[in-house]
Amino acid sequence: MRREMICICCPRGCRLVAERENDNAEWEISGNQCPRGATYAIQELTNPCRVVTAVVKTNSNQIMFLPVRTDKPYPREGIAQLLNTLYGMTVNVPVKRGDVLIHNVNGTDIDVIASESIEE
């Protein structure tokens, strides 16, 4: 089995090749110019995660939406469900940048935090 990808850990953008004999074998990574590339490839192949960014409604009369994000990369297979939760919620102001809006999302030890402050 062979997979090709581009590493996004730094601006270099190494072209990575991941290969393994069968589903039970370990991935062998080549093309990376630093150890982070191999780590990125293994993570992407076994448990791909992304930092999720979105906007949520507020109860403010002046600023209707608050930008939010996860504080760590979130498992990709759960992103649609997380976005549905975020788009359905309303945040009460005031809120400060970095405030935790959802703690430990689905037991992942990942929080959704405010990306901006709203004073009102």
N, C-alpha and C. Protein backbone atom coordinates (compact mmCIF):
# COMPACT_ATOMS: atom_id res chain seq x y z
N MET A 1 0.85 -1.16 0.00
CA MET A 1 0.00 0.00 0.00
C MET A 1 0.91 1.24 0.00
N ARG A 2 0.57 2.21 -0.81
CA ARG A 2 1.38 3.41 -0.95
C ARG A 2 0.48 4.64 -0.92
N ARG A 3 0.88 5.66 -0.14
CA ARG A 3 0.16 6.93 -0.09
C ARG A 3 1.17 8.05 -0.24
N GLU A 4 0.77 9.09 -0.96
CA GLU A 4 1.62 10.26 -1.10
C GLU A 4 0.89 11.46 -0.50
N MET A 5 1.68 12.35 0.11
CA MET A 5 1.10 13.56 0.72
C MET A 5 2.16 14.63 0.81
N ILE A 6 1.72 15.82 1.08
CA ILE A 6 2.64 16.94 1.28
C ILE A 6 2.59 17.33 2.75
N CYS A 7 3.75 17.42 3.36
CA CYS A 7 3.84 17.78 4.77
C CYS A 7 3.50 19.26 4.94
N ILE A 8 2.71 19.58 5.96
CA ILE A 8 2.31 20.97 6.22
C ILE A 8 2.90 21.50 7.52
N CYS A 9 3.91 20.82 8.07
CA CYS A 9 4.50 21.23 9.34
C CYS A 9 5.34 22.50 9.23
N CYS A 10 5.87 22.78 8.06
CA CYS A 10 6.67 24.00 7.88
C CYS A 10 6.52 24.44 6.42
N PRO A 11 7.04 25.60 6.06
CA PRO A 11 6.89 26.09 4.69
C PRO A 11 7.62 25.27 3.62
N ARG A 12 8.51 24.38 4.03
CA ARG A 12 9.26 23.58 3.06
C ARG A 12 8.34 22.70 2.21
N GLY A 13 7.29 22.13 2.79
CA GLY A 13 6.32 21.33 2.05
C GLY A 13 6.90 20.07 1.43
N CYS A 14 7.57 19.27 2.24
CA CYS A 14 8.18 18.04 1.74
C CYS A 14 7.12 17.12 1.13
N ARG A 15 7.49 16.46 0.04
CA ARG A 15 6.62 15.47 -0.59
C ARG A 15 6.92 14.13 0.07
N LEU A 16 5.95 13.66 0.84
CA LEU A 16 6.12 12.44 1.62
C LEU A 16 5.53 11.24 0.89
N VAL A 17 6.17 10.11 1.08
CA VAL A 17 5.66 8.84 0.56
C VAL A 17 5.57 7.90 1.76
N ALA A 18 4.38 7.36 1.96
CA ALA A 18 4.15 6.40 3.05
C ALA A 18 3.84 5.05 2.41
N GLU A 19 4.57 4.03 2.86
CA GLU A 19 4.37 2.69 2.30
C GLU A 19 4.33 1.66 3.42
N ARG A 20 3.54 0.60 3.17
CA ARG A 20 3.54 -0.55 4.05
C ARG A 20 3.09 -1.77 3.27
N GLU A 21 3.52 -2.92 3.74
CA GLU A 21 3.26 -4.19 3.06
C GLU A 21 1.78 -4.59 3.12
N ASN A 22 1.20 -4.47 4.32
CA ASN A 22 -0.20 -4.87 4.52
C ASN A 22 -0.78 -4.04 5.66
N ASP A 23 -2.04 -4.29 5.99
CA ASP A 23 -2.73 -3.50 7.02
C ASP A 23 -2.12 -3.66 8.42
N ASN A 24 -1.40 -4.74 8.66
CA ASN A 24 -0.81 -4.98 9.97
C ASN A 24 0.61 -4.45 10.09
N ALA A 25 1.22 -4.08 8.99
CA ALA A 25 2.61 -3.59 9.00
C ALA A 25 2.65 -2.12 9.39
N GLU A 26 3.82 -1.69 9.88
CA GLU A 26 4.01 -0.28 10.22
C GLU A 26 4.28 0.52 8.95
N TRP A 27 3.88 1.79 8.97
CA TRP A 27 4.13 2.68 7.85
C TRP A 27 5.61 3.05 7.81
N GLU A 28 6.18 3.05 6.61
CA GLU A 28 7.54 3.55 6.39
C GLU A 28 7.40 4.85 5.63
N ILE A 29 7.99 5.91 6.17
CA ILE A 29 7.85 7.25 5.60
C ILE A 29 9.17 7.67 4.97
N SER A 30 9.09 8.23 3.77
CA SER A 30 10.28 8.77 3.11
C SER A 30 9.93 10.13 2.50
N GLY A 31 10.96 10.88 2.17
CA GLY A 31 10.77 12.19 1.57
C GLY A 31 10.79 13.34 2.55
N ASN A 32 10.71 13.01 3.85
CA ASN A 32 10.73 14.07 4.86
C ASN A 32 12.16 14.54 5.10
N GLN A 33 12.31 15.86 5.27
CA GLN A 33 13.64 16.41 5.53
C GLN A 33 13.86 16.69 7.01
N CYS A 34 12.89 16.36 7.85
CA CYS A 34 13.05 16.48 9.30
C CYS A 34 12.13 15.45 9.96
N PRO A 35 12.34 15.17 11.25
CA PRO A 35 11.51 14.17 11.93
C PRO A 35 10.03 14.55 12.02
N ARG A 36 9.74 15.84 11.99
CA ARG A 36 8.32 16.27 12.09
C ARG A 36 7.51 15.75 10.91
N GLY A 37 8.13 15.61 9.75
CA GLY A 37 7.42 15.11 8.57
C GLY A 37 6.94 13.69 8.76
N ALA A 38 7.79 12.86 9.33
CA ALA A 38 7.40 11.46 9.59
C ALA A 38 6.28 11.40 10.62
N THR A 39 6.38 12.21 11.66
CA THR A 39 5.34 12.25 12.69
C THR A 39 4.02 12.71 12.09
N TYR A 40 4.08 13.76 11.26
CA TYR A 40 2.87 14.28 10.60
C TYR A 40 2.23 13.18 9.74
N ALA A 41 3.03 12.48 8.95
CA ALA A 41 2.49 11.46 8.05
C ALA A 41 1.80 10.34 8.82
N ILE A 42 2.42 9.85 9.87
CA ILE A 42 1.82 8.79 10.68
C ILE A 42 0.50 9.27 11.29
N GLN A 43 0.50 10.50 11.83
CA GLN A 43 -0.72 11.06 12.41
C GLN A 43 -1.82 11.17 11.35
N GLU A 44 -1.47 11.65 10.19
CA GLU A 44 -2.44 11.83 9.12
C GLU A 44 -3.01 10.50 8.63
N LEU A 45 -2.20 9.46 8.64
CA LEU A 45 -2.64 8.14 8.18
C LEU A 45 -3.44 7.38 9.22
N THR A 46 -3.16 7.59 10.50
CA THR A 46 -3.80 6.80 11.54
C THR A 46 -4.93 7.52 12.26
N ASN A 47 -4.80 8.83 12.46
CA ASN A 47 -5.81 9.59 13.19
C ASN A 47 -5.75 11.06 12.76
N PRO A 48 -6.23 11.37 11.56
CA PRO A 48 -6.12 12.75 11.08
C PRO A 48 -6.93 13.72 11.95
N CYS A 49 -6.32 14.84 12.28
CA CYS A 49 -6.94 15.85 13.13
C CYS A 49 -6.75 17.23 12.52
N ARG A 50 -7.66 18.15 12.84
CA ARG A 50 -7.59 19.52 12.36
C ARG A 50 -8.02 20.47 13.46
N VAL A 51 -7.42 21.68 13.48
CA VAL A 51 -7.95 22.73 14.33
C VAL A 51 -9.23 23.20 13.66
N VAL A 52 -10.33 23.23 14.41
CA VAL A 52 -11.63 23.61 13.87
C VAL A 52 -11.88 25.07 14.20
N THR A 53 -12.23 25.85 13.19
CA THR A 53 -12.60 27.25 13.38
C THR A 53 -14.02 27.44 12.88
N ALA A 54 -14.74 28.32 13.56
CA ALA A 54 -16.14 28.58 13.18
C ALA A 54 -16.56 29.90 13.80
N VAL A 55 -17.80 30.27 13.58
CA VAL A 55 -18.41 31.40 14.28
C VAL A 55 -19.68 30.90 14.95
N VAL A 56 -19.97 31.47 16.13
CA VAL A 56 -21.20 31.12 16.84
C VAL A 56 -21.99 32.41 17.08
N LYS A 57 -23.29 32.25 17.21
CA LYS A 57 -24.16 33.40 17.48
C LYS A 57 -23.89 33.94 18.88
N THR A 58 -24.15 35.24 19.05
CA THR A 58 -24.08 35.85 20.37
C THR A 58 -25.42 36.48 20.69
N ASN A 59 -25.61 36.85 21.95
CA ASN A 59 -26.82 37.57 22.32
C ASN A 59 -26.61 39.08 22.28
N SER A 60 -25.53 39.51 21.65
CA SER A 60 -25.21 40.93 21.52
C SER A 60 -26.05 41.58 20.42
N ASN A 61 -26.44 42.83 20.64
CA ASN A 61 -27.16 43.58 19.62
C ASN A 61 -26.22 44.20 18.60
N GLN A 62 -24.94 44.29 18.93
CA GLN A 62 -23.97 44.94 18.05
C GLN A 62 -23.10 43.96 17.28
N ILE A 63 -22.65 42.91 17.94
CA ILE A 63 -21.78 41.93 17.30
C ILE A 63 -22.51 40.60 17.32
N MET A 64 -22.99 40.19 16.16
CA MET A 64 -23.88 39.03 16.09
C MET A 64 -23.16 37.68 16.16
N PHE A 65 -21.87 37.65 15.75
CA PHE A 65 -21.15 36.39 15.70
C PHE A 65 -19.80 36.50 16.38
N LEU A 66 -19.38 35.43 17.04
CA LEU A 66 -18.11 35.34 17.73
C LEU A 66 -17.27 34.26 17.07
N PRO A 67 -16.04 34.59 16.63
CA PRO A 67 -15.17 33.54 16.10
C PRO A 67 -14.67 32.64 17.22
N VAL A 68 -14.66 31.35 16.98
CA VAL A 68 -14.21 30.36 17.96
C VAL A 68 -13.30 29.35 17.26
N ARG A 69 -12.57 28.59 18.09
CA ARG A 69 -11.71 27.54 17.54
C ARG A 69 -11.45 26.49 18.61
N THR A 70 -10.98 25.34 18.18
CA THR A 70 -10.55 24.34 19.14
C THR A 70 -9.14 24.70 19.60
N ASP A 71 -8.82 24.37 20.85
CA ASP A 71 -7.50 24.71 21.36
C ASP A 71 -6.42 23.73 20.93
N LYS A 72 -6.83 22.59 20.37
CA LYS A 72 -5.92 21.58 19.84
C LYS A 72 -6.58 20.96 18.61
N PRO A 73 -5.82 20.30 17.77
CA PRO A 73 -6.44 19.62 16.63
C PRO A 73 -7.46 18.59 17.09
N TYR A 74 -8.59 18.57 16.38
CA TYR A 74 -9.73 17.71 16.70
C TYR A 74 -9.83 16.58 15.68
N PRO A 75 -10.18 15.36 16.09
CA PRO A 75 -10.29 14.24 15.14
C PRO A 75 -11.22 14.57 13.97
N ARG A 76 -10.73 14.33 12.78
CA ARG A 76 -11.44 14.74 11.57
C ARG A 76 -12.82 14.10 11.43
N GLU A 77 -12.98 12.87 11.87
CA GLU A 77 -14.28 12.21 11.69
C GLU A 77 -15.39 12.83 12.53
N GLY A 78 -15.04 13.63 13.55
CA GLY A 78 -16.05 14.25 14.39
C GLY A 78 -16.31 15.72 14.09
N ILE A 79 -15.65 16.25 13.08
CA ILE A 79 -15.75 17.69 12.80
C ILE A 79 -17.17 18.10 12.41
N ALA A 80 -17.85 17.35 11.59
CA ALA A 80 -19.22 17.72 11.17
C ALA A 80 -20.14 17.82 12.37
N GLN A 81 -20.06 16.87 13.28
CA GLN A 81 -20.89 16.89 14.48
C GLN A 81 -20.54 18.09 15.35
N LEU A 82 -19.27 18.39 15.50
CA LEU A 82 -18.86 19.55 16.30
C LEU A 82 -19.37 20.84 15.67
N LEU A 83 -19.27 20.97 14.36
CA LEU A 83 -19.77 22.17 13.69
C LEU A 83 -21.28 22.32 13.88
N ASN A 84 -22.03 21.24 13.81
CA ASN A 84 -23.48 21.31 14.06
C ASN A 84 -23.76 21.84 15.47
N THR A 85 -22.98 21.37 16.43
CA THR A 85 -23.14 21.86 17.81
C THR A 85 -22.83 23.35 17.89
N LEU A 86 -21.72 23.76 17.29
CA LEU A 86 -21.32 25.17 17.34
C LEU A 86 -22.34 26.07 16.65
N TYR A 87 -22.81 25.67 15.48
CA TYR A 87 -23.75 26.52 14.74
C TYR A 87 -25.12 26.60 15.42
N GLY A 88 -25.38 25.70 16.34
CA GLY A 88 -26.65 25.71 17.05
C GLY A 88 -26.61 26.41 18.39
N MET A 89 -25.46 26.89 18.80
CA MET A 89 -25.36 27.50 20.12
C MET A 89 -25.34 29.03 20.06
N THR A 90 -25.66 29.65 21.17
CA THR A 90 -25.60 31.11 21.32
C THR A 90 -24.77 31.42 22.56
N VAL A 91 -23.81 32.32 22.41
CA VAL A 91 -22.91 32.69 23.50
C VAL A 91 -23.41 33.99 24.13
N ASN A 92 -23.46 34.01 25.44
CA ASN A 92 -23.82 35.22 26.17
C ASN A 92 -22.59 36.11 26.35
N VAL A 93 -22.74 37.40 26.05
CA VAL A 93 -21.65 38.35 26.25
C VAL A 93 -21.79 38.97 27.63
N PRO A 94 -20.73 39.43 28.25
CA PRO A 94 -19.38 39.59 27.69
C PRO A 94 -18.65 38.25 27.66
N VAL A 95 -17.69 38.18 26.75
CA VAL A 95 -16.83 37.02 26.62
C VAL A 95 -15.42 37.52 26.31
N LYS A 96 -14.43 36.86 26.87
CA LYS A 96 -13.04 37.26 26.65
C LYS A 96 -12.34 36.24 25.76
N ARG A 97 -11.41 36.74 24.97
CA ARG A 97 -10.60 35.87 24.13
C ARG A 97 -9.95 34.81 25.01
N GLY A 98 -10.07 33.56 24.60
CA GLY A 98 -9.51 32.44 25.36
C GLY A 98 -10.48 31.78 26.31
N ASP A 99 -11.64 32.40 26.53
CA ASP A 99 -12.65 31.77 27.39
C ASP A 99 -13.06 30.42 26.80
N VAL A 100 -13.20 29.43 27.66
CA VAL A 100 -13.63 28.10 27.22
C VAL A 100 -15.15 28.12 27.08
N LEU A 101 -15.62 27.83 25.88
CA LEU A 101 -17.06 27.80 25.61
C LEU A 101 -17.62 26.39 25.71
N ILE A 102 -16.84 25.41 25.30
CA ILE A 102 -17.19 23.99 25.46
C ILE A 102 -15.95 23.29 25.98
N HIS A 103 -16.07 22.69 27.15
CA HIS A 103 -14.94 22.01 27.77
C HIS A 103 -14.97 20.52 27.40
N ASN A 104 -13.81 19.96 27.07
CA ASN A 104 -13.65 18.52 26.86
C ASN A 104 -14.68 17.98 25.85
N VAL A 105 -14.65 18.52 24.66
CA VAL A 105 -15.62 18.15 23.62
C VAL A 105 -15.62 16.64 23.40
N ASN A 106 -16.76 16.03 23.62
CA ASN A 106 -16.95 14.59 23.41
C ASN A 106 -15.86 13.74 24.05
N GLY A 107 -15.37 14.15 25.20
CA GLY A 107 -14.37 13.38 25.94
C GLY A 107 -12.99 13.36 25.31
N THR A 108 -12.68 14.36 24.47
CA THR A 108 -11.40 14.38 23.75
C THR A 108 -10.31 15.15 24.44
N ASP A 109 -10.60 15.82 25.56
CA ASP A 109 -9.66 16.72 26.24
C ASP A 109 -9.32 17.93 25.36
N ILE A 110 -10.24 18.26 24.47
CA ILE A 110 -10.09 19.42 23.59
C ILE A 110 -11.21 20.39 23.92
N ASP A 111 -10.85 21.67 24.05
CA ASP A 111 -11.83 22.70 24.37
C ASP A 111 -12.10 23.58 23.16
N VAL A 112 -13.30 24.15 23.09
CA VAL A 112 -13.62 25.18 22.11
C VAL A 112 -13.49 26.51 22.86
N ILE A 113 -12.67 27.41 22.31
CA ILE A 113 -12.41 28.68 22.97
C ILE A 113 -12.79 29.85 22.08
N ALA A 114 -13.03 31.00 22.72
CA ALA A 114 -13.34 32.23 21.99
C ALA A 114 -12.05 32.76 21.38
N SER A 115 -12.13 33.22 20.14
CA SER A 115 -10.97 33.78 19.45
C SER A 115 -10.89 35.29 19.57
N GLU A 116 -11.96 35.92 20.05
CA GLU A 116 -12.00 37.38 20.25
C GLU A 116 -12.76 37.68 21.53
N SER A 117 -12.62 38.92 21.98
CA SER A 117 -13.37 39.39 23.14
C SER A 117 -14.53 40.26 22.67
N ILE A 118 -15.65 40.15 23.36
CA ILE A 118 -16.80 41.03 23.12
C ILE A 118 -17.17 41.61 24.49
N GLU A 119 -17.09 42.92 24.61
CA GLU A 119 -17.30 43.58 25.90
C GLU A 119 -18.78 43.78 26.24
N GLU A 120 -19.50 44.33 25.36
CA GLU A 120 -20.91 44.76 25.55
C GLU A 120 -21.43 44.35 26.86
